[in-house]
Amino acid sequence: MDITLGQESIHKTHQNSFRKEIFCSRCSGTSRIAFVAHEGIDSNPSYSISEYYNNEPNSMWVHDYVAVAVYFCTECLNADAKFNQA
């Protein structure tokens, strides 16, 4: 897993770019991108988060490489996350 900091990180994604800002899930303030943790974008890791658990019937877990954007709120410092997968 690689980590890219700041606004450069919004393009480290398997789908459309992450947004630079989102609404905070706690106070509806502005949350700004802090970093994106990503796998399988710049390299092919020998393992993936998708392999950590065996999915049981009616359970959900990622099925491919993931990219996770982490945001911090400028008003309450709450952390929010968005993710996508390859």
N, C-alpha and C. Protein backbone atom coordinates (compact mmCIF):
# COMPACT_ATOMS: atom_id res chain seq x y z
N MET A 1 0.85 -1.16 0.00
CA MET A 1 0.00 0.00 0.00
C MET A 1 0.90 1.23 0.00
N ASP A 2 0.58 2.16 -0.87
CA ASP A 2 1.30 3.42 -0.95
C ASP A 2 0.40 4.54 -0.46
N ILE A 3 1.01 5.63 0.00
CA ILE A 3 0.26 6.79 0.49
C ILE A 3 0.76 8.02 -0.24
N THR A 4 -0.18 8.81 -0.75
CA THR A 4 0.13 10.08 -1.38
C THR A 4 -0.58 11.18 -0.60
N LEU A 5 0.15 12.23 -0.26
CA LEU A 5 -0.37 13.30 0.58
C LEU A 5 -0.96 14.46 -0.22
N GLY A 6 -1.90 15.15 0.39
CA GLY A 6 -2.42 16.41 -0.13
C GLY A 6 -3.19 16.31 -1.42
N GLN A 7 -3.29 17.45 -2.09
CA GLN A 7 -4.13 17.54 -3.29
C GLN A 7 -3.63 16.70 -4.45
N GLU A 8 -2.34 16.39 -4.47
CA GLU A 8 -1.82 15.49 -5.52
C GLU A 8 -2.45 14.11 -5.43
N SER A 9 -2.92 13.75 -4.25
CA SER A 9 -3.43 12.40 -4.02
C SER A 9 -4.77 12.12 -4.67
N ILE A 10 -5.52 13.15 -5.04
CA ILE A 10 -6.88 12.92 -5.54
C ILE A 10 -6.92 12.13 -6.84
N HIS A 11 -5.79 12.05 -7.53
CA HIS A 11 -5.73 11.30 -8.78
C HIS A 11 -5.26 9.86 -8.58
N LYS A 12 -4.89 9.48 -7.36
CA LYS A 12 -4.46 8.11 -7.06
C LYS A 12 -5.70 7.28 -6.78
N THR A 13 -6.38 6.92 -7.84
CA THR A 13 -7.68 6.28 -7.73
C THR A 13 -7.86 5.29 -8.87
N HIS A 14 -8.72 4.34 -8.67
CA HIS A 14 -9.02 3.36 -9.71
C HIS A 14 -10.20 3.80 -10.58
N GLN A 15 -10.86 4.88 -10.18
CA GLN A 15 -12.03 5.37 -10.91
C GLN A 15 -11.87 6.88 -11.10
N ASN A 16 -12.96 7.63 -11.00
CA ASN A 16 -12.86 9.08 -11.11
C ASN A 16 -12.05 9.64 -9.95
N SER A 17 -11.43 10.80 -10.17
CA SER A 17 -10.64 11.43 -9.11
C SER A 17 -11.49 11.69 -7.88
N PHE A 18 -10.85 11.61 -6.71
CA PHE A 18 -11.51 11.99 -5.47
C PHE A 18 -11.67 13.50 -5.46
N ARG A 19 -12.62 13.98 -4.70
CA ARG A 19 -12.83 15.43 -4.58
C ARG A 19 -11.81 16.01 -3.61
N LYS A 20 -11.46 17.29 -3.80
CA LYS A 20 -10.54 17.98 -2.89
C LYS A 20 -11.21 18.28 -1.56
N GLU A 21 -12.52 18.49 -1.59
CA GLU A 21 -13.27 18.79 -0.38
C GLU A 21 -14.59 18.04 -0.42
N ILE A 22 -15.06 17.65 0.77
CA ILE A 22 -16.37 17.03 0.92
C ILE A 22 -17.05 17.63 2.14
N PHE A 23 -18.33 17.36 2.32
CA PHE A 23 -19.02 17.79 3.53
C PHE A 23 -18.71 16.83 4.66
N CYS A 24 -18.46 17.38 5.83
CA CYS A 24 -18.19 16.57 7.01
C CYS A 24 -19.44 15.78 7.39
N SER A 25 -19.26 14.50 7.72
CA SER A 25 -20.40 13.67 8.10
C SER A 25 -20.90 13.97 9.51
N ARG A 26 -20.11 14.68 10.29
CA ARG A 26 -20.52 15.00 11.66
C ARG A 26 -21.20 16.36 11.75
N CYS A 27 -20.57 17.41 11.19
CA CYS A 27 -21.09 18.77 11.39
C CYS A 27 -21.49 19.47 10.10
N SER A 28 -21.32 18.81 8.96
CA SER A 28 -21.61 19.37 7.63
C SER A 28 -20.67 20.49 7.24
N GLY A 29 -19.57 20.65 7.97
CA GLY A 29 -18.55 21.62 7.60
C GLY A 29 -17.76 21.14 6.39
N THR A 30 -16.66 21.80 6.11
CA THR A 30 -15.82 21.45 4.97
C THR A 30 -14.69 20.54 5.43
N SER A 31 -14.59 19.38 4.78
CA SER A 31 -13.49 18.46 5.03
C SER A 31 -12.57 18.47 3.83
N ARG A 32 -11.28 18.67 4.09
CA ARG A 32 -10.29 18.74 3.01
C ARG A 32 -9.49 17.45 2.93
N ILE A 33 -9.06 17.13 1.70
CA ILE A 33 -8.27 15.92 1.48
C ILE A 33 -6.98 15.99 2.29
N ALA A 34 -6.65 14.90 2.96
CA ALA A 34 -5.39 14.81 3.70
C ALA A 34 -4.43 13.88 2.96
N PHE A 35 -4.92 12.67 2.62
CA PHE A 35 -4.09 11.72 1.89
C PHE A 35 -4.96 10.64 1.27
N VAL A 36 -4.35 9.90 0.35
CA VAL A 36 -5.00 8.72 -0.24
C VAL A 36 -4.05 7.54 -0.05
N ALA A 37 -4.58 6.49 0.54
CA ALA A 37 -3.86 5.21 0.63
C ALA A 37 -4.34 4.37 -0.54
N HIS A 38 -3.40 3.86 -1.32
CA HIS A 38 -3.81 3.17 -2.56
C HIS A 38 -2.94 1.96 -2.80
N GLU A 39 -3.56 0.96 -3.39
CA GLU A 39 -2.83 -0.26 -3.76
C GLU A 39 -3.10 -0.57 -5.22
N GLY A 40 -2.07 -1.07 -5.88
CA GLY A 40 -2.23 -1.52 -7.25
C GLY A 40 -2.28 -0.41 -8.29
N ILE A 41 -1.94 0.82 -7.92
CA ILE A 41 -1.96 1.91 -8.90
C ILE A 41 -0.57 2.10 -9.50
N ASP A 42 0.43 2.27 -8.65
CA ASP A 42 1.80 2.48 -9.11
C ASP A 42 2.60 1.18 -9.15
N SER A 43 2.06 0.14 -8.55
CA SER A 43 2.75 -1.15 -8.51
C SER A 43 1.72 -2.25 -8.33
N ASN A 44 2.15 -3.47 -8.47
CA ASN A 44 1.28 -4.62 -8.23
C ASN A 44 1.70 -5.26 -6.92
N PRO A 45 0.96 -5.00 -5.84
CA PRO A 45 1.34 -5.59 -4.56
C PRO A 45 1.16 -7.11 -4.59
N SER A 46 1.89 -7.80 -3.73
CA SER A 46 1.80 -9.25 -3.68
C SER A 46 0.57 -9.70 -2.91
N TYR A 47 -0.14 -8.76 -2.28
CA TYR A 47 -1.37 -9.06 -1.55
C TYR A 47 -2.29 -7.85 -1.68
N SER A 48 -3.52 -8.04 -1.33
CA SER A 48 -4.51 -6.97 -1.42
C SER A 48 -5.43 -7.04 -0.21
N ILE A 49 -5.96 -5.91 0.20
CA ILE A 49 -6.93 -5.87 1.29
C ILE A 49 -8.09 -6.81 0.97
N SER A 50 -8.40 -6.95 -0.30
CA SER A 50 -9.52 -7.83 -0.68
C SER A 50 -9.29 -9.28 -0.26
N GLU A 51 -8.06 -9.67 -0.01
CA GLU A 51 -7.74 -11.05 0.34
C GLU A 51 -7.72 -11.29 1.86
N TYR A 52 -7.93 -10.27 2.67
CA TYR A 52 -7.83 -10.41 4.12
C TYR A 52 -8.91 -11.29 4.73
N TYR A 53 -10.09 -11.26 4.16
CA TYR A 53 -11.21 -12.01 4.73
C TYR A 53 -11.89 -12.85 3.65
N ASN A 54 -12.41 -13.98 4.05
CA ASN A 54 -13.26 -14.78 3.17
C ASN A 54 -14.68 -14.26 3.33
N ASN A 55 -15.27 -13.87 2.24
CA ASN A 55 -16.65 -13.38 2.31
C ASN A 55 -17.62 -14.52 2.56
N GLU A 56 -18.45 -14.32 3.55
CA GLU A 56 -19.50 -15.27 3.84
C GLU A 56 -20.78 -14.79 3.17
N PRO A 57 -21.76 -15.66 2.99
CA PRO A 57 -23.01 -15.22 2.37
C PRO A 57 -23.60 -14.01 3.11
N ASN A 58 -24.09 -13.07 2.34
CA ASN A 58 -24.72 -11.84 2.84
C ASN A 58 -23.76 -10.90 3.55
N SER A 59 -22.45 -11.09 3.39
CA SER A 59 -21.48 -10.14 3.96
C SER A 59 -20.85 -9.36 2.81
N MET A 60 -20.33 -8.19 3.14
CA MET A 60 -19.72 -7.35 2.12
C MET A 60 -18.27 -7.07 2.47
N TRP A 61 -17.43 -7.09 1.45
CA TRP A 61 -16.02 -6.73 1.59
C TRP A 61 -15.53 -6.39 0.20
N VAL A 62 -14.49 -5.60 0.10
CA VAL A 62 -13.96 -5.20 -1.20
C VAL A 62 -13.51 -6.44 -1.98
N HIS A 63 -13.56 -6.34 -3.30
CA HIS A 63 -13.24 -7.49 -4.13
C HIS A 63 -12.02 -7.27 -5.03
N ASP A 64 -11.37 -6.11 -4.92
CA ASP A 64 -10.25 -5.79 -5.79
C ASP A 64 -9.36 -4.78 -5.09
N TYR A 65 -8.29 -4.32 -5.77
CA TYR A 65 -7.43 -3.29 -5.19
C TYR A 65 -8.27 -2.06 -4.82
N VAL A 66 -7.89 -1.38 -3.73
CA VAL A 66 -8.66 -0.23 -3.27
C VAL A 66 -7.80 1.03 -3.21
N ALA A 67 -8.49 2.15 -3.26
CA ALA A 67 -7.91 3.46 -2.97
C ALA A 67 -8.84 4.12 -1.96
N VAL A 68 -8.26 4.64 -0.86
CA VAL A 68 -9.05 5.22 0.22
C VAL A 68 -8.59 6.66 0.44
N ALA A 69 -9.50 7.60 0.27
CA ALA A 69 -9.21 9.02 0.51
C ALA A 69 -9.65 9.37 1.92
N VAL A 70 -8.77 10.03 2.67
CA VAL A 70 -9.07 10.45 4.03
C VAL A 70 -9.11 11.97 4.08
N TYR A 71 -10.18 12.47 4.69
CA TYR A 71 -10.42 13.91 4.79
C TYR A 71 -10.52 14.31 6.26
N PHE A 72 -10.10 15.56 6.58
CA PHE A 72 -10.26 16.10 7.93
C PHE A 72 -11.09 17.38 7.86
N CYS A 73 -12.04 17.51 8.77
CA CYS A 73 -12.93 18.66 8.80
C CYS A 73 -12.20 19.89 9.35
N THR A 74 -12.42 21.03 8.71
CA THR A 74 -11.78 22.28 9.15
C THR A 74 -12.51 22.90 10.34
N GLU A 75 -13.68 22.36 10.70
CA GLU A 75 -14.44 22.93 11.81
C GLU A 75 -14.42 22.06 13.06
N CYS A 76 -14.50 20.73 12.90
CA CYS A 76 -14.55 19.86 14.09
C CYS A 76 -13.45 18.81 14.10
N LEU A 77 -12.62 18.76 13.07
CA LEU A 77 -11.52 17.83 12.91
C LEU A 77 -11.94 16.37 12.78
N ASN A 78 -13.20 16.14 12.49
CA ASN A 78 -13.68 14.78 12.22
C ASN A 78 -12.95 14.23 10.99
N ALA A 79 -12.71 12.92 10.99
CA ALA A 79 -12.12 12.25 9.83
C ALA A 79 -13.22 11.54 9.06
N ASP A 80 -13.24 11.74 7.75
CA ASP A 80 -14.15 11.04 6.86
C ASP A 80 -13.31 10.31 5.82
N ALA A 81 -13.87 9.27 5.23
CA ALA A 81 -13.17 8.51 4.20
C ALA A 81 -14.11 8.16 3.06
N LYS A 82 -13.55 8.15 1.87
CA LYS A 82 -14.23 7.66 0.66
C LYS A 82 -13.31 6.63 0.04
N PHE A 83 -13.87 5.62 -0.64
CA PHE A 83 -13.02 4.64 -1.26
C PHE A 83 -13.61 4.21 -2.60
N ASN A 84 -12.75 3.63 -3.40
CA ASN A 84 -13.21 2.95 -4.61
C ASN A 84 -12.28 1.78 -4.86
N GLN A 85 -12.63 0.96 -5.81
CA GLN A 85 -11.82 -0.22 -6.11
C GLN A 85 -11.68 -0.41 -7.62
N ALA A 86 -10.65 -1.16 -7.97
CA ALA A 86 -10.35 -1.37 -9.38
C ALA A 86 -11.45 -2.15 -10.07
